[in-house]
Amino acid sequence: MSISSVSADYIPISVSTLVPSTMVGIELFQQDPQSDSYALYRGGDYPLQDGDLQRLRSRGIKKLFIRKLDQGSYQRYLREMIDNPQADAPIAARTGALNDVVRDLLGSAFQTGDADASVMTAAYLGDQTADIICNDEFTGTDLFRVLHHDYATFTHSTNVAFYCGMLAAELGFNKPDISLIVSGGLLHDLGKLEIDDRILNKPGRLDELEFREIQNIPRPDFVSLHIAPI
């Protein structure tokens, strides 16, 4: 068993994104919280079994770790899961994969500052989200378990979009409309990227000039959602 202790070289992944009998293609590690070291849990060419995942869950382990340099490979694994799901892939695993893919793609799209690219990304993610939310096996618990909670704009937009999608499904909207609603949720705060982080993260009250700048947030008026009434 190999052990490393450079925490900056590793990033956490959710156990809920791992599908039994599927090779992730990258090495998985467990963290020792006492020593902040990382021990190899499973090689990249050795598939996890359902019993492995059950044992991890029974021990309260919700996260494993991968090397930071393998992040691209992990994202490809997640994209494959939601684009071409296996018949036996648990909906909980697809939901976890979707959450990570949405955050990754939306964050990348926002950072480019390209509105057209952001809209195209949101449309693709809206379709994938609607497909999962409308699945008979989907439950809100699957999603609540994997949601992230930080102050990044794309994290907030992701959470808003998921909540909007679930609410729309509960209200009886069809899948195409749910896709549009999710896409709108993903884009609703796009204009905040033009605001200085110093203002967005200010702990106290905004002064008059700062508040005026917030009021001038560009609105994503390039998005047109045509949703039929229920």
Protein backbone atom coordinates (compact mmCIF):
# COMPACT_ATOMS: atom_id res chain seq x y z
CA MET A 1 0.00 0.00 0.00
CA SER A 2 1.57 3.30 -1.09
CA ILE A 3 1.26 6.34 1.16
CA SER A 4 1.73 10.03 0.37
CA SER A 5 1.26 13.09 2.56
CA VAL A 6 1.16 16.06 0.16
CA SER A 7 -2.46 17.20 0.59
CA ALA A 8 -2.22 19.84 -2.17
CA ASP A 9 -1.71 17.03 -4.69
CA TYR A 10 -5.11 15.41 -3.97
CA ILE A 11 -8.75 16.40 -4.43
CA PRO A 12 -11.85 14.76 -2.91
CA ILE A 13 -14.47 12.92 -4.95
CA SER A 14 -17.87 11.69 -3.76
CA VAL A 15 -18.28 7.96 -3.21
CA SER A 16 -21.81 8.41 -4.57
CA THR A 17 -20.34 8.97 -8.07
CA LEU A 18 -18.76 5.50 -8.21
CA VAL A 19 -20.60 2.72 -10.04
CA PRO A 20 -20.06 -0.94 -9.05
CA SER A 21 -18.16 -3.13 -11.52
CA THR A 22 -16.92 -0.04 -13.37
CA MET A 23 -13.26 0.87 -13.65
CA VAL A 24 -12.74 4.53 -12.89
CA GLY A 25 -9.39 4.37 -14.69
CA ILE A 26 -7.52 6.29 -11.99
CA GLU A 27 -6.14 5.44 -8.58
CA LEU A 28 -8.39 6.07 -5.58
CA PHE A 29 -7.01 7.03 -2.16
CA GLN A 30 -8.23 7.25 1.41
CA GLN A 31 -7.17 10.03 3.75
CA ASP A 32 -5.93 9.49 7.27
CA PRO A 33 -7.28 12.56 9.11
CA GLN A 34 -4.80 12.10 11.94
CA SER A 35 -1.67 12.29 9.83
CA ASP A 36 -3.11 13.99 6.72
CA SER A 37 -1.59 11.20 4.63
CA TYR A 38 -3.17 9.38 1.68
CA ALA A 39 -3.13 5.60 1.27
CA LEU A 40 -3.94 3.85 -2.00
CA TYR A 41 -7.42 2.33 -1.76
CA ARG A 42 -7.93 0.93 -5.26
CA GLY A 43 -5.85 0.84 -8.45
CA GLY A 44 -7.22 2.40 -11.60
CA ASP A 45 -7.56 -0.90 -13.44
CA TYR A 46 -9.36 -2.69 -10.60
CA PRO A 47 -13.17 -2.24 -10.59
CA LEU A 48 -15.07 -1.51 -7.41
CA GLN A 49 -17.73 -3.98 -6.34
CA ASP A 50 -21.04 -3.19 -4.68
CA GLY A 51 -19.75 -4.72 -1.44
CA ASP A 52 -16.81 -2.27 -1.46
CA LEU A 53 -19.15 0.69 -1.68
CA GLN A 54 -21.44 -0.69 0.99
CA ARG A 55 -18.49 -1.11 3.37
CA LEU A 56 -17.37 2.46 2.72
CA ARG A 57 -20.86 3.78 3.44
CA SER A 58 -21.19 1.63 6.58
CA ARG A 59 -17.97 3.20 7.88
CA GLY A 60 -19.31 6.68 7.19
CA ILE A 61 -16.81 7.30 4.38
CA LYS A 62 -18.45 9.63 1.85
CA LYS A 63 -15.32 10.78 0.04
CA LEU A 64 -12.28 9.22 -1.52
CA PHE A 65 -9.43 11.15 -3.12
CA ILE A 66 -7.71 11.25 -6.47
CA ARG A 67 -4.48 12.88 -7.54
CA LYS A 68 -5.09 16.41 -8.79
CA LEU A 69 -3.40 15.57 -12.07
CA ASP A 70 -6.09 12.91 -12.67
CA GLN A 71 -8.97 15.41 -12.44
CA GLY A 72 -9.42 15.50 -16.22
CA SER A 73 -9.72 11.72 -16.40
CA TYR A 74 -12.24 11.73 -13.57
CA GLN A 75 -14.35 14.35 -15.36
CA ARG A 76 -14.33 12.20 -18.50
CA TYR A 77 -15.52 9.24 -16.41
CA LEU A 78 -18.38 11.36 -15.05
CA ARG A 79 -19.32 12.71 -18.49
CA GLU A 80 -19.47 9.19 -19.88
CA MET A 81 -21.78 8.17 -17.02
CA ILE A 82 -24.34 10.87 -17.71
CA ASP A 83 -24.02 10.88 -21.51
CA ASN A 84 -24.12 7.10 -21.93
CA PRO A 85 -25.50 5.64 -18.69
CA GLN A 86 -25.28 1.90 -18.18
CA ALA A 87 -28.55 0.09 -17.71
CA ASP A 88 -27.55 -0.95 -14.19
CA ALA A 89 -26.00 2.38 -13.14
CA PRO A 90 -27.76 3.53 -9.94
CA ILE A 91 -29.63 6.81 -10.31
CA ALA A 92 -27.82 8.03 -7.17
CA ALA A 93 -24.46 7.59 -8.95
CA ARG A 94 -25.71 9.43 -12.05
CA THR A 95 -27.01 12.23 -9.81
CA GLY A 96 -23.65 12.57 -8.07
CA ALA A 97 -21.86 12.55 -11.42
CA LEU A 98 -24.24 15.17 -12.78
CA ASN A 99 -23.62 17.53 -9.86
CA ASP A 100 -19.84 17.39 -10.30
CA VAL A 101 -20.05 17.74 -14.09
CA VAL A 102 -22.40 20.73 -13.85
CA ARG A 103 -20.09 22.54 -11.44
CA ASP A 104 -17.03 21.80 -13.55
CA LEU A 105 -18.51 22.74 -16.94
CA LEU A 106 -20.45 25.74 -15.67
CA GLY A 107 -17.41 27.07 -13.81
CA SER A 108 -15.27 26.69 -16.94
CA ALA A 109 -17.91 28.33 -19.15
CA PHE A 110 -18.36 31.28 -16.77
CA GLN A 111 -14.62 31.86 -16.56
CA THR A 112 -14.30 32.24 -20.33
CA GLY A 113 -16.66 35.23 -20.28
CA ASP A 114 -18.21 33.93 -23.52
CA ALA A 115 -21.99 34.34 -23.24
CA ASP A 116 -22.76 32.09 -26.22
CA ALA A 117 -20.58 29.30 -24.83
CA SER A 118 -22.26 29.65 -21.43
CA VAL A 119 -25.72 29.40 -23.01
CA MET A 120 -24.75 26.30 -25.00
CA THR A 121 -23.26 24.69 -21.89
CA ALA A 122 -26.37 25.51 -19.85
CA ALA A 123 -28.61 24.03 -22.55
CA TYR A 124 -26.65 20.76 -22.54
CA LEU A 125 -26.66 20.60 -18.74
CA GLY A 126 -30.36 21.43 -18.64
CA ASP A 127 -31.12 18.44 -20.87
CA GLN A 128 -29.00 16.09 -18.76
CA THR A 129 -30.51 17.36 -15.51
CA ALA A 130 -34.09 17.04 -16.79
CA ASP A 131 -33.36 13.47 -17.92
CA ILE A 132 -32.29 12.50 -14.41
CA ILE A 133 -34.93 14.47 -12.50
CA CYS A 134 -37.67 12.89 -14.64
CA ASN A 135 -36.35 9.38 -14.01
CA ASP A 136 -38.86 7.32 -12.00
CA GLU A 137 -36.09 6.23 -9.61
CA PHE A 138 -34.88 9.76 -8.84
CA THR A 139 -35.47 11.14 -5.34
CA GLY A 140 -34.54 14.52 -3.92
CA THR A 141 -32.46 12.76 -1.29
CA ASP A 142 -30.07 11.60 -4.02
CA LEU A 143 -29.42 15.20 -4.95
CA PHE A 144 -29.35 16.74 -1.47
CA ARG A 145 -26.66 14.22 -0.52
CA VAL A 146 -24.22 15.49 -3.14
CA LEU A 147 -24.91 19.24 -3.32
CA HIS A 148 -21.96 21.48 -2.58
CA HIS A 149 -22.21 24.45 -0.24
CA ASP A 150 -19.69 27.18 -0.90
CA TYR A 151 -19.79 30.78 -2.05
CA ALA A 152 -18.72 30.32 -5.67
CA THR A 153 -21.15 31.86 -8.16
CA PHE A 154 -21.35 28.67 -10.24
CA THR A 155 -22.06 26.57 -7.11
CA HIS A 156 -24.97 28.83 -6.17
CA SER A 157 -26.25 28.78 -9.75
CA THR A 158 -26.02 24.98 -9.84
CA ASN A 159 -27.99 24.58 -6.61
CA VAL A 160 -30.66 27.07 -7.72
CA ALA A 161 -31.02 25.27 -11.05
CA PHE A 162 -31.46 21.86 -9.39
CA TYR A 163 -34.06 23.17 -6.95
CA CYS A 164 -35.94 24.86 -9.79
CA GLY A 165 -35.88 21.64 -11.82
CA MET A 166 -37.24 19.56 -8.96
CA LEU A 167 -39.96 22.12 -8.23
CA ALA A 168 -40.93 22.23 -11.90
CA ALA A 169 -41.17 18.43 -12.01
CA GLU A 170 -43.34 18.44 -8.89
CA LEU A 171 -45.62 21.05 -10.48
CA GLY A 172 -46.11 18.84 -13.52
CA PHE A 173 -43.95 20.49 -16.18
CA ASN A 174 -42.77 18.19 -18.96
CA LYS A 175 -39.14 17.27 -19.58
CA PRO A 176 -38.39 19.87 -22.31
CA ASP A 177 -39.74 22.66 -20.11
CA ILE A 178 -37.81 21.38 -17.09
CA SER A 179 -34.67 21.48 -19.22
CA LEU A 180 -35.32 25.13 -20.08
CA ILE A 181 -36.05 26.01 -16.45
CA VAL A 182 -32.82 24.36 -15.28
CA SER A 183 -30.86 26.16 -18.02
CA GLY A 184 -32.32 29.48 -16.87
CA GLY A 185 -31.38 28.70 -13.28
CA LEU A 186 -27.81 27.98 -14.31
CA LEU A 187 -27.54 31.33 -16.07
CA HIS A 188 -29.47 33.54 -13.67
CA ASP A 189 -26.37 34.96 -11.96
CA LEU A 190 -24.08 35.12 -14.97
CA GLY A 191 -23.85 38.90 -14.65
CA LYS A 192 -22.26 38.65 -11.20
CA LEU A 193 -19.03 37.62 -12.89
CA GLU A 194 -18.60 41.28 -13.88
CA ILE A 195 -18.62 42.33 -10.21
CA ASP A 196 -15.38 42.55 -8.24
CA ASP A 197 -14.98 39.73 -5.69
CA ARG A 198 -14.08 42.40 -3.14
CA ILE A 199 -17.69 43.62 -3.34
CA LEU A 200 -19.37 40.22 -3.63
CA ASN A 201 -17.53 38.86 -0.58
CA LYS A 202 -17.59 42.00 1.54
CA PRO A 203 -18.63 40.96 5.09
CA GLY A 204 -20.25 44.29 6.02
CA ARG A 205 -22.71 46.68 4.41
CA LEU A 206 -21.99 47.98 0.91
CA ASP A 207 -21.34 51.68 0.52
CA GLU A 208 -23.29 53.74 -2.01
CA LEU A 209 -20.83 53.25 -4.88
CA GLU A 210 -20.60 49.50 -4.27
CA PHE A 211 -24.38 49.15 -4.11
CA ARG A 212 -24.70 51.08 -7.38
CA GLU A 213 -22.27 48.68 -9.01
CA ILE A 214 -24.35 45.70 -7.81
CA GLN A 215 -27.46 47.33 -9.30
CA ASN A 216 -25.70 47.50 -12.66
CA ILE A 217 -25.19 43.74 -12.86
CA PRO A 218 -25.60 42.71 -16.51
CA ARG A 219 -28.73 40.62 -16.93
CA PRO A 220 -28.69 37.50 -19.15
CA ASP A 221 -31.31 38.99 -21.48
CA PHE A 222 -29.88 36.91 -24.30
CA VAL A 223 -31.72 33.94 -22.77
CA SER A 224 -35.31 33.52 -23.93
CA LEU A 225 -37.33 30.84 -22.22
CA HIS A 226 -40.67 29.97 -23.78
CA ILE A 227 -42.50 27.76 -21.35
CA ALA A 228 -46.08 26.70 -21.86
CA PRO A 229 -48.44 27.13 -18.91
CA ILE A 230 -49.49 24.02 -17.02
